[in-house]
C-alpha atoms as a PDB file:
ATOM      1  CA  MET A   1       0.000   0.000   0.000  1.00  0.00           C
ATOM      2  CA  ALA A   2       1.496   3.332  -1.103  1.00  0.00           C
ATOM      3  CA  LYS A   3       0.497   6.806  -0.022  1.00  0.00           C
ATOM      4  CA  LEU A   4       0.088   8.959  -3.113  1.00  0.00           C
ATOM      5  CA  LYS A   5      -0.541  12.700  -3.342  1.00  0.00           C
ATOM      6  CA  PHE A   6      -3.287  13.912  -5.690  1.00  0.00           C
ATOM      7  CA  GLU A   7      -3.520  17.621  -6.409  1.00  0.00           C
ATOM      8  CA  TYR A   8      -7.156  18.282  -7.325  1.00  0.00           C
ATOM      9  CA  ILE A   9      -7.232  21.320  -9.677  1.00  0.00           C
ATOM     10  CA  TRP A  10     -10.322  23.282 -10.666  1.00  0.00           C
ATOM     11  CA  LEU A  11     -11.498  26.637 -12.019  1.00  0.00           C
ATOM     12  CA  ASP A  12     -13.277  28.954  -9.598  1.00  0.00           C
ATOM     13  CA  GLY A  13     -16.275  31.228 -10.176  1.00  0.00           C
ATOM     14  CA  TYR A  14     -14.509  34.570 -10.474  1.00  0.00           C
ATOM     15  CA  LYS A  15     -15.390  36.780 -13.445  1.00  0.00           C
ATOM     16  CA  PRO A  16     -14.571  37.791 -16.100  1.00  0.00           C
ATOM     17  CA  GLU A  17     -11.995  34.975 -15.992  1.00  0.00           C
ATOM     18  CA  PRO A  18     -11.769  32.200 -13.413  1.00  0.00           C
ATOM     19  CA  ASN A  19      -8.691  31.472 -11.330  1.00  0.00           C
ATOM     20  CA  LEU A  20      -7.064  28.084 -10.913  1.00  0.00           C
ATOM     21  CA  ARG A  21      -7.497  26.542  -7.452  1.00  0.00           C
ATOM     22  CA  SER A  22      -6.094  23.318  -6.019  1.00  0.00           C
ATOM     23  CA  LYS A  23      -5.759  21.225  -2.887  1.00  0.00           C
ATOM     24  CA  THR A  24      -4.016  17.964  -2.054  1.00  0.00           C
ATOM     25  CA  LYS A  25      -5.640  14.656  -1.190  1.00  0.00           C
ATOM     26  CA  VAL A  26      -3.496  11.763   0.089  1.00  0.00           C
ATOM     27  CA  ILE A  27      -4.870   8.353  -0.914  1.00  0.00           C
ATOM     28  CA  ASP A  28      -3.599   4.842  -0.208  1.00  0.00           C
ATOM     29  CA  PHE A  29      -3.345   2.710  -3.344  1.00  0.00           C
ATOM     30  CA  ASP A  30      -2.091  -0.837  -3.870  1.00  0.00           C
ATOM     31  CA  ASP A  31      -1.761  -0.156  -7.583  1.00  0.00           C
ATOM     32  CA  TYR A  32      -2.507   3.092  -9.392  1.00  0.00           C
ATOM     33  CA  ASN A  33      -2.121   3.518 -13.140  1.00  0.00           C
ATOM     34  CA  GLY A  34      -3.269   7.087 -13.682  1.00  0.00           C
ATOM     35  CA  GLN A  35      -6.992   6.495 -14.141  1.00  0.00           C
ATOM     36  CA  ALA A  36      -9.331   9.397 -13.365  1.00  0.00           C
ATOM     37  CA  ASP A  37     -12.431   7.262 -12.836  1.00  0.00           C
ATOM     38  CA  VAL A  38     -11.036   5.397  -9.805  1.00  0.00           C
ATOM     39  CA  LEU A  39     -10.385   8.609  -7.884  1.00  0.00           C
ATOM     40  CA  PRO A  40     -13.057   9.735  -5.427  1.00  0.00           C
ATOM     41  CA  LEU A  41     -15.244  12.800  -5.731  1.00  0.00           C
ATOM     42  CA  TRP A  42     -14.204  15.506  -3.282  1.00  0.00           C
ATOM     43  CA  SER A  43     -15.903  18.620  -1.974  1.00  0.00           C
ATOM     44  CA  PHE A  44     -14.696  22.155  -1.310  1.00  0.00           C
ATOM     45  CA  ASP A  45     -16.008  25.397   0.135  1.00  0.00           C
ATOM     46  CA  GLY A  46     -17.624  27.127  -2.815  1.00  0.00           C
ATOM     47  CA  SER A  47     -18.422  30.197  -0.723  1.00  0.00           C
ATOM     48  CA  SER A  48     -14.684  30.982  -0.750  1.00  0.00           C
ATOM     49  CA  THR A  49     -14.405  30.701  -4.554  1.00  0.00           C
ATOM     50  CA  GLN A  50     -17.565  32.568  -5.651  1.00  0.00           C
ATOM     51  CA  GLN A  51     -19.261  29.280  -6.509  1.00  0.00           C
ATOM     52  CA  ALA A  52     -21.723  28.946  -3.612  1.00  0.00           C
ATOM     53  CA  GLU A  53     -23.380  30.783  -0.730  1.00  0.00           C
ATOM     54  CA  GLY A  54     -22.217  30.261   2.854  1.00  0.00           C
ATOM     55  CA  HIS A  55     -25.506  28.668   3.931  1.00  0.00           C
ATOM     56  CA  SER A  56     -25.077  25.937   1.273  1.00  0.00           C
ATOM     57  CA  SER A  57     -21.385  26.030   0.510  1.00  0.00           C
ATOM     58  CA  ASP A  58     -20.383  22.564  -0.703  1.00  0.00           C
ATOM     59  CA  CYS A  59     -19.338  22.091  -4.317  1.00  0.00           C
ATOM     60  CA  VAL A  60     -18.074  18.792  -5.723  1.00  0.00           C
ATOM     61  CA  LEU A  61     -14.865  18.032  -7.619  1.00  0.00           C
ATOM     62  CA  LYS A  62     -15.052  15.317 -10.270  1.00  0.00           C
ATOM     63  CA  PRO A  63     -11.652  14.073 -11.576  1.00  0.00           C
ATOM     64  CA  VAL A  64     -11.575  14.055 -15.386  1.00  0.00           C
ATOM     65  CA  ASN A  65      -7.886  13.910 -16.335  1.00  0.00           C
ATOM     66  CA  VAL A  66      -4.734  12.850 -14.455  1.00  0.00           C
ATOM     67  CA  TYR A  67      -1.075  13.744 -15.020  1.00  0.00           C
ATOM     68  CA  PRO A  68       2.127  12.741 -13.225  1.00  0.00           C
ATOM     69  CA  ASP A  69       3.183  15.637 -10.987  1.00  0.00           C
ATOM     70  CA  PRO A  70       6.786  16.506 -11.972  1.00  0.00           C
ATOM     71  CA  LEU A  71       7.222  18.836  -8.984  1.00  0.00           C
ATOM     72  CA  ARG A  72       6.513  16.358  -6.165  1.00  0.00           C
ATOM     73  CA  LYS A  73       7.334  12.793  -5.217  1.00  0.00           C
ATOM     74  CA  ASN A  74       4.662  10.088  -5.496  1.00  0.00           C
ATOM     75  CA  ALA A  75       2.191  12.639  -6.797  1.00  0.00           C
ATOM     76  CA  TYR A  76      -0.326  13.372  -9.534  1.00  0.00           C
ATOM     77  CA  LEU A  77      -2.098  16.433 -10.917  1.00  0.00           C
ATOM     78  CA  VAL A  78      -5.845  15.903 -11.234  1.00  0.00           C
ATOM     79  CA  MET A  79      -7.891  18.197 -13.478  1.00  0.00           C
ATOM     80  CA  CYS A  80     -11.442  18.351 -12.175  1.00  0.00           C
ATOM     81  CA  GLU A  81     -14.879  19.566 -13.203  1.00  0.00           C
ATOM     82  CA  VAL A  82     -16.962  21.411 -10.615  1.00  0.00           C
ATOM     83  CA  LEU A  83     -20.378  19.918  -9.863  1.00  0.00           C
ATOM     84  CA  ASN A  84     -23.334  20.938  -7.745  1.00  0.00           C
ATOM     85  CA  PRO A  85     -24.198  18.757  -4.717  1.00  0.00           C
ATOM     86  CA  ASP A  86     -26.709  16.867  -6.906  1.00  0.00           C
ATOM     87  CA  LEU A  87     -23.783  16.080  -9.282  1.00  0.00           C
ATOM     88  CA  THR A  88     -25.068  18.241 -12.118  1.00  0.00           C
ATOM     89  CA  PRO A  89     -22.499  20.577 -13.745  1.00  0.00           C
ATOM     90  CA  HIS A  90     -21.950  23.840 -11.870  1.00  0.00           C
ATOM     91  CA  VAL A  91     -22.757  27.014 -13.813  1.00  0.00           C
ATOM     92  CA  SER A  92     -19.013  27.875 -13.796  1.00  0.00           C
ATOM     93  CA  ASN A  93     -18.119  24.508 -15.388  1.00  0.00           C
ATOM     94  CA  SER A  94     -17.229  25.556 -18.948  1.00  0.00           C
ATOM     95  CA  ARG A  95     -15.756  22.144 -19.757  1.00  0.00           C
ATOM     96  CA  ALA A  96     -19.159  20.496 -19.322  1.00  0.00           C
ATOM     97  CA  LYS A  97     -20.696  23.072 -21.670  1.00  0.00           C
ATOM     98  CA  ILE A  98     -18.698  21.846 -24.669  1.00  0.00           C
ATOM     99  CA  GLU A  99     -21.413  20.589 -27.000  1.00  0.00           C
ATOM    100  CA  ASP A 100     -19.235  18.552 -29.346  1.00  0.00           C
ATOM    101  CA  ASP A 101     -15.969  16.947 -28.168  1.00  0.00           C
ATOM    102  CA  ASP A 102     -15.082  15.525 -31.578  1.00  0.00           C
ATOM    103  CA  LYS A 103     -11.612  13.987 -31.318  1.00  0.00           C
ATOM    104  CA  ASP A 104     -11.212  14.478 -35.064  1.00  0.00           C
ATOM    105  CA  PHE A 105     -10.464  18.115 -34.196  1.00  0.00           C
ATOM    106  CA  TRP A 106      -6.854  18.922 -33.387  1.00  0.00           C
ATOM    107  CA  PHE A 107      -5.864  22.098 -31.587  1.00  0.00           C
ATOM    108  CA  GLY A 108      -2.615  23.938 -31.045  1.00  0.00           C
ATOM    109  CA  PHE A 109      -2.820  26.756 -28.499  1.00  0.00           C
ATOM    110  CA  GLU A 110      -0.082  29.395 -28.563  1.00  0.00           C
ATOM    111  CA  GLN A 111      -0.083  30.588 -24.952  1.00  0.00           C
ATOM    112  CA  GLU A 112       1.621  33.951 -24.542  1.00  0.00           C
ATOM    113  CA  TYR A 113       2.298  35.378 -21.095  1.00  0.00           C
ATOM    114  CA  VAL A 114       4.423  38.007 -19.379  1.00  0.00           C
ATOM    115  CA  LEU A 115       6.622  37.410 -16.349  1.00  0.00           C
ATOM    116  CA  MET A 116       6.141  40.314 -13.954  1.00  0.00           C
ATOM    117  CA  ASP A 117       8.170  41.538 -11.002  1.00  0.00           C
ATOM    118  CA  PRO A 118       5.564  41.951  -8.221  1.00  0.00           C
ATOM    119  CA  GLU A 119       7.640  44.639  -6.527  1.00  0.00           C
ATOM    120  CA  THR A 120       7.694  46.954  -9.546  1.00  0.00           C
ATOM    121  CA  ASN A 121       4.586  45.590 -11.315  1.00  0.00           C
ATOM    122  CA  LEU A 122       6.634  45.674 -14.519  1.00  0.00           C
ATOM    123  CA  PRO A 123       7.748  42.916 -16.884  1.00  0.00           C
ATOM    124  CA  ILE A 124      11.077  41.442 -15.889  1.00  0.00           C
ATOM    125  CA  GLY A 125      13.905  43.171 -17.732  1.00  0.00           C
ATOM    126  CA  PHE A 126      12.103  46.534 -17.700  1.00  0.00           C
ATOM    127  CA  PRO A 127      13.894  49.365 -15.879  1.00  0.00           C
ATOM    128  CA  GLU A 128      12.089  50.764 -12.815  1.00  0.00           C
ATOM    129  CA  LYS A 129      11.730  54.096 -14.607  1.00  0.00           C
ATOM    130  CA  GLY A 130      11.126  54.523 -18.301  1.00  0.00           C
ATOM    131  CA  PHE A 131      11.192  51.689 -20.819  1.00  0.00           C
ATOM    132  CA  PRO A 132      13.704  49.374 -22.449  1.00  0.00           C
ATOM    133  CA  ALA A 133      14.662  49.793 -26.090  1.00  0.00           C
ATOM    134  CA  PRO A 134      11.700  49.552 -28.503  1.00  0.00           C
ATOM    135  CA  GLN A 135      10.446  46.215 -29.764  1.00  0.00           C
ATOM    136  CA  GLY A 136      12.514  44.506 -32.409  1.00  0.00           C
ATOM    137  CA  PRO A 137      15.439  42.665 -30.795  1.00  0.00           C
ATOM    138  CA  TYR A 138      13.428  40.579 -28.295  1.00  0.00           C
ATOM    139  CA  TYR A 139      11.462  38.111 -30.455  1.00  0.00           C
ATOM    140  CA  CYS A 140      13.127  34.663 -30.410  1.00  0.00           C
ATOM    141  CA  ALA A 141      16.203  36.428 -29.078  1.00  0.00           C
ATOM    142  CA  VAL A 142      19.235  35.183 -27.208  1.00  0.00           C
ATOM    143  CA  GLY A 143      21.555  37.153 -24.971  1.00  0.00           C
ATOM    144  CA  THR A 144      21.523  39.256 -21.819  1.00  0.00           C
ATOM    145  CA  GLY A 145      19.418  42.371 -22.227  1.00  0.00           C
ATOM    146  CA  LYS A 146      17.378  40.810 -25.003  1.00  0.00           C
ATOM    147  CA  VAL A 147      15.644  38.101 -22.957  1.00  0.00           C
ATOM    148  CA  ASP A 148      14.850  37.603 -19.295  1.00  0.00           C
ATOM    149  CA  GLY A 149      13.385  34.637 -17.397  1.00  0.00           C
ATOM    150  CA  ARG A 150      14.764  31.832 -19.554  1.00  0.00           C
ATOM    151  CA  GLU A 151      15.586  29.587 -16.577  1.00  0.00           C
ATOM    152  CA  LEU A 152      11.954  29.586 -15.442  1.00  0.00           C
ATOM    153  CA  VAL A 153      10.714  29.028 -18.998  1.00  0.00           C
ATOM    154  CA  GLU A 154      12.999  26.019 -19.499  1.00  0.00           C
ATOM    155  CA  GLU A 155      11.949  24.551 -16.151  1.00  0.00           C
ATOM    156  CA  HIS A 156       8.305  24.892 -17.158  1.00  0.00           C
ATOM    157  CA  LEU A 157       8.914  23.174 -20.498  1.00  0.00           C
ATOM    158  CA  ASP A 158      10.609  20.220 -18.798  1.00  0.00           C
ATOM    159  CA  ALA A 159       7.843  19.970 -16.191  1.00  0.00           C
ATOM    160  CA  CYS A 160       5.086  19.898 -18.809  1.00  0.00           C
ATOM    161  CA  LEU A 161       6.842  17.237 -20.870  1.00  0.00           C
ATOM    162  CA  GLU A 162       7.401  15.109 -17.750  1.00  0.00           C
ATOM    163  CA  ALA A 163       3.692  15.465 -16.977  1.00  0.00           C
ATOM    164  CA  GLY A 164       2.803  14.132 -20.416  1.00  0.00           C
ATOM    165  CA  ILE A 165       1.508  17.456 -21.735  1.00  0.00           C
ATOM    166  CA  HIS A 166       2.300  17.759 -25.431  1.00  0.00           C
ATOM    167  CA  LEU A 167       4.120  21.077 -25.662  1.00  0.00           C
ATOM    168  CA  THR A 168       5.574  21.453 -29.129  1.00  0.00           C
ATOM    169  CA  GLY A 169       7.814  24.458 -28.519  1.00  0.00           C
ATOM    170  CA  ILE A 170       8.695  27.649 -26.656  1.00  0.00           C
ATOM    171  CA  ASN A 171      10.034  31.034 -27.698  1.00  0.00           C
ATOM    172  CA  ALA A 172      10.722  34.527 -26.415  1.00  0.00           C
ATOM    173  CA  GLU A 173       8.075  36.920 -27.684  1.00  0.00           C
ATOM    174  CA  VAL A 174       8.035  40.417 -29.144  1.00  0.00           C
ATOM    175  CA  MET A 175       8.039  42.304 -25.827  1.00  0.00           C
ATOM    176  CA  LEU A 176      10.852  41.935 -23.302  1.00  0.00           C
ATOM    177  CA  GLY A 177       9.738  39.608 -20.491  1.00  0.00           C
ATOM    178  CA  GLN A 178       7.071  38.051 -22.716  1.00  0.00           C
ATOM    179  CA  TRP A 179       7.195  34.355 -23.624  1.00  0.00           C
ATOM    180  CA  GLU A 180       5.109  31.778 -25.446  1.00  0.00           C
ATOM    181  CA  TYR A 181       4.639  28.029 -25.419  1.00  0.00           C
ATOM    182  CA  GLN A 182       2.652  25.896 -27.833  1.00  0.00           C
ATOM    183  CA  CYS A 183       0.311  23.181 -26.536  1.00  0.00           C
ATOM    184  CA  PHE A 184      -1.083  20.530 -28.912  1.00  0.00           C
ATOM    185  CA  GLY A 185      -3.982  18.158 -28.318  1.00  0.00           C
ATOM    186  CA  LYS A 186      -6.905  16.282 -29.829  1.00  0.00           C
ATOM    187  CA  GLY A 187     -10.472  17.084 -28.829  1.00  0.00           C
ATOM    188  CA  ALA A 188     -11.723  20.270 -27.150  1.00  0.00           C
ATOM    189  CA  LYS A 189     -11.923  18.855 -23.619  1.00  0.00           C
ATOM    190  CA  SER A 190      -8.597  17.031 -23.541  1.00  0.00           C
ATOM    191  CA  THR A 191      -6.685  19.936 -25.084  1.00  0.00           C
ATOM    192  CA  GLY A 192      -8.371  22.329 -22.672  1.00  0.00           C
ATOM    193  CA  ASP A 193      -7.282  20.105 -19.779  1.00  0.00           C
ATOM    194  CA  ASP A 194      -3.688  20.138 -21.003  1.00  0.00           C
ATOM    195  CA  LEU A 195      -3.654  23.906 -21.368  1.00  0.00           C
ATOM    196  CA  GLN A 196      -5.132  24.480 -17.917  1.00  0.00           C
ATOM    197  CA  VAL A 197      -2.664  22.114 -16.246  1.00  0.00           C
ATOM    198  CA  SER A 198       0.218  23.701 -18.166  1.00  0.00           C
ATOM    199  CA  ARG A 199      -0.898  27.067 -16.772  1.00  0.00           C
ATOM    200  CA  TYR A 200      -1.075  25.556 -13.296  1.00  0.00           C
ATOM    201  CA  LEU A 201       2.506  24.310 -13.573  1.00  0.00           C
ATOM    202  CA  LEU A 202       3.627  27.722 -14.851  1.00  0.00           C
ATOM    203  CA  PHE A 203       2.068  29.470 -11.851  1.00  0.00           C
ATOM    204  CA  ARG A 204       3.521  26.903  -9.438  1.00  0.00           C
ATOM    205  CA  ILE A 205       7.035  27.243 -10.836  1.00  0.00           C
ATOM    206  CA  ALA A 206       6.813  31.039 -10.895  1.00  0.00           C
ATOM    207  CA  GLU A 207       6.143  30.933  -7.128  1.00  0.00           C
ATOM    208  CA  SER A 208       9.662  29.637  -6.528  1.00  0.00           C
ATOM    209  CA  TYR A 209      11.101  32.564  -8.510  1.00  0.00           C
ATOM    210  CA  GLY A 210       8.986  35.159  -6.734  1.00  0.00           C
ATOM    211  CA  LEU A 211       7.434  36.200 -10.059  1.00  0.00           C
ATOM    212  CA  HIS A 212       3.869  36.809 -11.208  1.00  0.00           C
ATOM    213  CA  VAL A 213       2.534  35.286 -14.436  1.00  0.00           C
ATOM    214  CA  GLU A 214       0.432  37.921 -16.195  1.00  0.00           C
ATOM    215  CA  LEU A 215      -2.202  36.703 -18.665  1.00  0.00           C
ATOM    216  CA  HIS A 216      -3.820  40.091 -19.300  1.00  0.00           C
ATOM    217  CA  PRO A 217      -3.978  40.680 -23.078  1.00  0.00           C
ATOM    218  CA  LYS A 218      -2.411  44.158 -22.820  1.00  0.00           C
ATOM    219  CA  PRO A 219      -0.135  44.159 -19.757  1.00  0.00           C
ATOM    220  CA  VAL A 220       1.855  47.213 -20.863  1.00  0.00           C
ATOM    221  CA  LYS A 221       0.023  50.105 -22.493  1.00  0.00           C
ATOM    222  CA  GLY A 222       1.511  51.908 -25.458  1.00  0.00           C
ATOM    223  CA  ASP A 223       3.553  50.706 -28.399  1.00  0.00           C
ATOM    224  CA  TRP A 224       4.033  47.173 -27.075  1.00  0.00           C
ATOM    225  CA  ASN A 225       2.554  43.919 -28.307  1.00  0.00           C
ATOM    226  CA  GLY A 226      -0.275  42.416 -26.311  1.00  0.00           C
ATOM    227  CA  SER A 227      -0.543  38.760 -25.339  1.00  0.00           C
ATOM    228  CA  GLY A 228      -2.734  36.290 -27.187  1.00  0.00           C
ATOM    229  CA  MET A 229      -3.579  32.626 -27.203  1.00  0.00           C
ATOM    230  CA  HIS A 230      -3.745  32.002 -30.933  1.00  0.00           C
ATOM    231  CA  CYS A 231      -5.581  28.780 -31.696  1.00  0.00           C
ATOM    232  CA  ASN A 232      -4.478  26.584 -34.581  1.00  0.00           C
ATOM    233  CA  PHE A 233      -7.127  24.049 -35.560  1.00  0.00           C
ATOM    234  CA  SER A 234      -7.976  21.386 -38.102  1.00  0.00           C
ATOM    235  CA  ASN A 235     -10.198  18.389 -38.655  1.00  0.00           C
ATOM    236  CA  GLY A 236      -9.788  15.326 -40.858  1.00  0.00           C
ATOM    237  CA  ALA A 237     -11.311  16.982 -43.909  1.00  0.00           C
ATOM    238  CA  MET A 238      -8.902  19.908 -43.648  1.00  0.00           C
ATOM    239  CA  ARG A 239      -5.893  17.654 -43.137  1.00  0.00           C
ATOM    240  CA  ASP A 240      -6.669  14.881 -45.622  1.00  0.00           C
ATOM    241  CA  GLU A 241      -9.105  16.122 -48.282  1.00  0.00           C
ATOM    242  CA  GLY A 242      -8.463  19.827 -48.365  1.00  0.00           C
ATOM    243  CA  GLY A 243      -9.162  22.158 -51.227  1.00  0.00           C
ATOM    244  CA  GLU A 244      -9.296  25.928 -51.519  1.00  0.00           C
ATOM    245  CA  ALA A 245     -13.104  25.887 -51.561  1.00  0.00           C
ATOM    246  CA  LEU A 246     -13.197  23.977 -48.250  1.00  0.00           C
ATOM    247  CA  PHE A 247     -10.862  26.393 -46.480  1.00  0.00           C
ATOM    248  CA  LYS A 248     -12.588  29.502 -47.771  1.00  0.00           C
ATOM    249  CA  ALA A 249     -15.992  28.086 -46.809  1.00  0.00           C
ATOM    250  CA  ILE A 250     -14.719  27.477 -43.270  1.00  0.00           C
ATOM    251  CA  CYS A 251     -13.269  30.979 -43.049  1.00  0.00           C
ATOM    252  CA  GLU A 252     -16.544  32.459 -44.298  1.00  0.00           C
ATOM    253  CA  ALA A 253     -18.443  30.493 -41.630  1.00  0.00           C
ATOM    254  CA  PHE A 254     -16.510  32.463 -39.015  1.00  0.00           C
ATOM    255  CA  ARG A 255     -17.616  35.834 -40.420  1.00  0.00           C
ATOM    256  CA  PRO A 256     -21.257  35.866 -39.178  1.00  0.00           C
ATOM    257  CA  ALA A 257     -20.173  34.278 -35.858  1.00  0.00           C
ATOM    258  CA  HIS A 258     -17.480  36.888 -35.146  1.00  0.00           C
ATOM    259  CA  LYS A 259     -19.285  38.452 -32.160  1.00  0.00           C
ATOM    260  CA  GLU A 260     -20.023  35.040 -30.638  1.00  0.00           C
ATOM    261  CA  HIS A 261     -16.333  34.155 -30.825  1.00  0.00           C
ATOM    262  CA  ILE A 262     -15.165  37.467 -29.400  1.00  0.00           C
ATOM    263  CA  ALA A 263     -17.599  36.994 -26.495  1.00  0.00           C
ATOM    264  CA  VAL A 264     -15.662  33.907 -25.306  1.00  0.00           C
ATOM    265  CA  TYR A 265     -12.166  34.940 -26.388  1.00  0.00           C
ATOM    266  CA  GLY A 266     -11.154  36.701 -23.166  1.00  0.00           C
ATOM    267  CA  SER A 267     -11.833  39.964 -21.336  1.00  0.00           C
ATOM    268  CA  ASP A 268     -10.158  43.279 -22.194  1.00  0.00           C
ATOM    269  CA  ASN A 269      -9.362  41.883 -25.624  1.00  0.00           C
ATOM    270  CA  ASP A 270     -10.356  45.222 -27.135  1.00  0.00           C
ATOM    271  CA  GLN A 271      -7.122  46.613 -25.672  1.00  0.00           C
ATOM    272  CA  ARG A 272      -5.168  44.071 -27.738  1.00  0.00           C
ATOM    273  CA  LEU A 273      -7.238  43.734 -30.933  1.00  0.00           C
ATOM    274  CA  THR A 274      -6.686  47.270 -32.197  1.00  0.00           C
ATOM    275  CA  GLY A 275      -5.591  46.626 -35.764  1.00  0.00           C
ATOM    276  CA  LEU A 276      -1.990  47.274 -34.695  1.00  0.00           C
ATOM    277  CA  HIS A 277       0.774  44.994 -33.381  1.00  0.00           C
ATOM    278  CA  GLU A 278      -0.115  42.037 -35.636  1.00  0.00           C
ATOM    279  CA  THR A 279      -3.859  42.088 -34.910  1.00  0.00           C
ATOM    280  CA  GLN A 280      -7.095  42.833 -36.705  1.00  0.00           C
ATOM    281  CA  SER A 281      -9.469  45.333 -35.082  1.00  0.00           C
ATOM    282  CA  ILE A 282     -11.935  43.693 -32.671  1.00  0.00           C
ATOM    283  CA  ASP A 283     -14.923  45.020 -34.642  1.00  0.00           C
ATOM    284  CA  LYS A 284     -13.737  43.620 -37.965  1.00  0.00           C
ATOM    285  CA  PHE A 285     -13.328  40.111 -39.377  1.00  0.00           C
ATOM    286  CA  SER A 286     -10.843  39.149 -42.063  1.00  0.00           C
ATOM    287  CA  TYR A 287      -8.751  36.241 -43.253  1.00  0.00           C
ATOM    288  CA  GLY A 288      -5.783  35.912 -45.545  1.00  0.00           C
ATOM    289  CA  VAL A 289      -2.790  33.828 -46.529  1.00  0.00           C
ATOM    290  CA  SER A 290       0.198  34.479 -44.247  1.00  0.00           C
ATOM    291  CA  ASP A 291      -1.578  37.568 -42.863  1.00  0.00           C
ATOM    292  CA  ARG A 292      -0.801  38.152 -39.187  1.00  0.00           C
ATOM    293  CA  GLY A 293      -2.991  41.232 -39.259  1.00  0.00           C
ATOM    294  CA  ALA A 294      -6.046  39.128 -40.061  1.00  0.00           C
ATOM    295  CA  SER A 295      -8.563  37.532 -37.719  1.00  0.00           C
ATOM    296  CA  ILE A 296      -7.757  34.141 -39.219  1.00  0.00           C
ATOM    297  CA  ARG A 297      -4.414  33.440 -40.844  1.00  0.00           C
ATOM    298  CA  ILE A 298      -4.158  30.817 -43.566  1.00  0.00           C
ATOM    299  CA  PRO A 299      -0.592  29.490 -43.143  1.00  0.00           C
ATOM    300  CA  VAL A 300       1.484  29.623 -46.307  1.00  0.00           C
ATOM    301  CA  ASN A 301       2.126  25.862 -46.087  1.00  0.00           C
ATOM    302  CA  THR A 302      -1.620  25.234 -45.915  1.00  0.00           C
ATOM    303  CA  ALA A 303      -2.220  27.408 -48.967  1.00  0.00           C
ATOM    304  CA  ALA A 304       0.523  25.582 -50.902  1.00  0.00           C
ATOM    305  CA  ASP A 305      -1.712  22.542 -51.472  1.00  0.00           C
ATOM    306  CA  TRP A 306      -4.796  23.596 -49.467  1.00  0.00           C
ATOM    307  CA  LYS A 307      -4.370  20.930 -46.827  1.00  0.00           C
ATOM    308  CA  GLY A 308      -3.554  21.544 -43.192  1.00  0.00           C
ATOM    309  CA  TYR A 309      -4.815  23.931 -40.522  1.00  0.00           C
ATOM    310  CA  LEU A 310      -5.990  27.479 -39.837  1.00  0.00           C
ATOM    311  CA  GLU A 311      -4.915  29.913 -37.122  1.00  0.00           C
ATOM    312  CA  ASP A 312      -7.511  31.940 -35.236  1.00  0.00           C
ATOM    313  CA  ARG A 313      -5.488  34.919 -33.984  1.00  0.00           C
ATOM    314  CA  ARG A 314      -8.277  36.525 -31.952  1.00  0.00           C
ATOM    315  CA  PRO A 315      -8.247  34.640 -28.594  1.00  0.00           C
ATOM    316  CA  ALA A 316      -6.622  36.600 -25.769  1.00  0.00           C
ATOM    317  CA  SER A 317      -3.976  35.148 -23.486  1.00  0.00           C
ATOM    318  CA  ASN A 318      -6.501  34.987 -20.629  1.00  0.00           C
ATOM    319  CA  ALA A 319      -9.180  33.139 -22.637  1.00  0.00           C
ATOM    320  CA  ASP A 320     -10.773  29.907 -21.445  1.00  0.00           C
ATOM    321  CA  PRO A 321      -9.476  27.164 -23.796  1.00  0.00           C
ATOM    322  CA  TYR A 322     -12.623  25.077 -23.285  1.00  0.00           C
ATOM    323  CA  GLN A 323     -14.814  27.892 -24.589  1.00  0.00           C
ATOM    324  CA  VAL A 324     -12.426  28.745 -27.433  1.00  0.00           C
ATOM    325  CA  ALA A 325     -12.132  25.170 -28.711  1.00  0.00           C
ATOM    326  CA  GLY A 326     -15.821  24.411 -28.240  1.00  0.00           C
ATOM    327  CA  ARG A 327     -16.864  27.482 -30.194  1.00  0.00           C
ATOM    328  CA  ILE A 328     -14.417  26.733 -33.028  1.00  0.00           C
ATOM    329  CA  VAL A 329     -15.775  23.194 -33.450  1.00  0.00           C
ATOM    330  CA  LYS A 330     -19.319  24.556 -33.631  1.00  0.00           C
ATOM    331  CA  THR A 331     -18.437  27.159 -36.262  1.00  0.00           C
ATOM    332  CA  VAL A 332     -16.357  24.824 -38.437  1.00  0.00           C
ATOM    333  CA  LYS A 333     -19.204  22.294 -38.510  1.00  0.00           C
ATOM    334  CA  SER A 334     -21.603  25.036 -39.595  1.00  0.00           C
ATOM    335  CA  ALA A 335     -19.608  25.745 -42.761  1.00  0.00           C
ATOM    336  CA  SER A 336     -21.402  25.227 -46.047  1.00  0.00           C
ATOM    337  CA  VAL A 337     -18.847  23.484 -48.214  1.00  0.00           C
ATOM    338  CA  PRO A 338     -19.398  23.563 -52.004  1.00  0.00           C
ATOM    339  CA  VAL A 339     -19.765  20.114 -53.549  1.00  0.00           C
END
């Protein structure tokens, strides 16, 4: 009999974006192989997370996905859905609201974030007064003065890979102190789980460095890039059958649903989607080949033979990946493809 540590992770009820919460449960197991369905339900005080009133405070955690915990011994990370006491999905449970979890859909989230010094409330690498040199030398850079925080970023990459989360890359971003990692998965729920747990690991690791992870889409006002969570997506038809007509029909299906997408693509996104800094204006929709100023970019490799994926550049860095992926599946399936 072994004592194993299970970190139950969930999203709280704060708005406009929820926070990640977690607590540890120690369970004795003769043999545990990473299954979510053998783990017990667990309750928490929803009145402390804006998910219940004090007179009826219990909410229920339902394990849905389990990962080895790379930061502790004999431990696992457990992504959970929040349920009401009658075991129906809680109103804050966006994962349960995904209408179509078609595993034929593949997603690649590009999670941008900024590492902030909590004492100065500025990105790391920024001087306490004034600003560093203008943007230009920081993107995918190497060298002191051009990047900051690499040790934390590398530790996070290793932790995610050890946890079985499929990160496909990392890079320094356009603003000093800003970084990005790419998270790939299949199906809206599973990919959303991976992204949320990757965020959890990022926050946990940042604790040990005394740094704050900022997911606001415009953390520094002025002539500085904001932070997004671009979503690359495809289904079997896009990958295997293809055709220019198919891709343009899918892009056109996004046009009338633009407001519905923006509504679930993160708060304060109007500060980022200005039409500047590699964005399209929040009140406009466009698409184009290799166009980083469009709402949806058609990668040049996709356009070469019209097979592959599309990139939705509108989601903000603070967006809920469950809502983003779920909405994309719905819109792609609404496309009227010419025969």
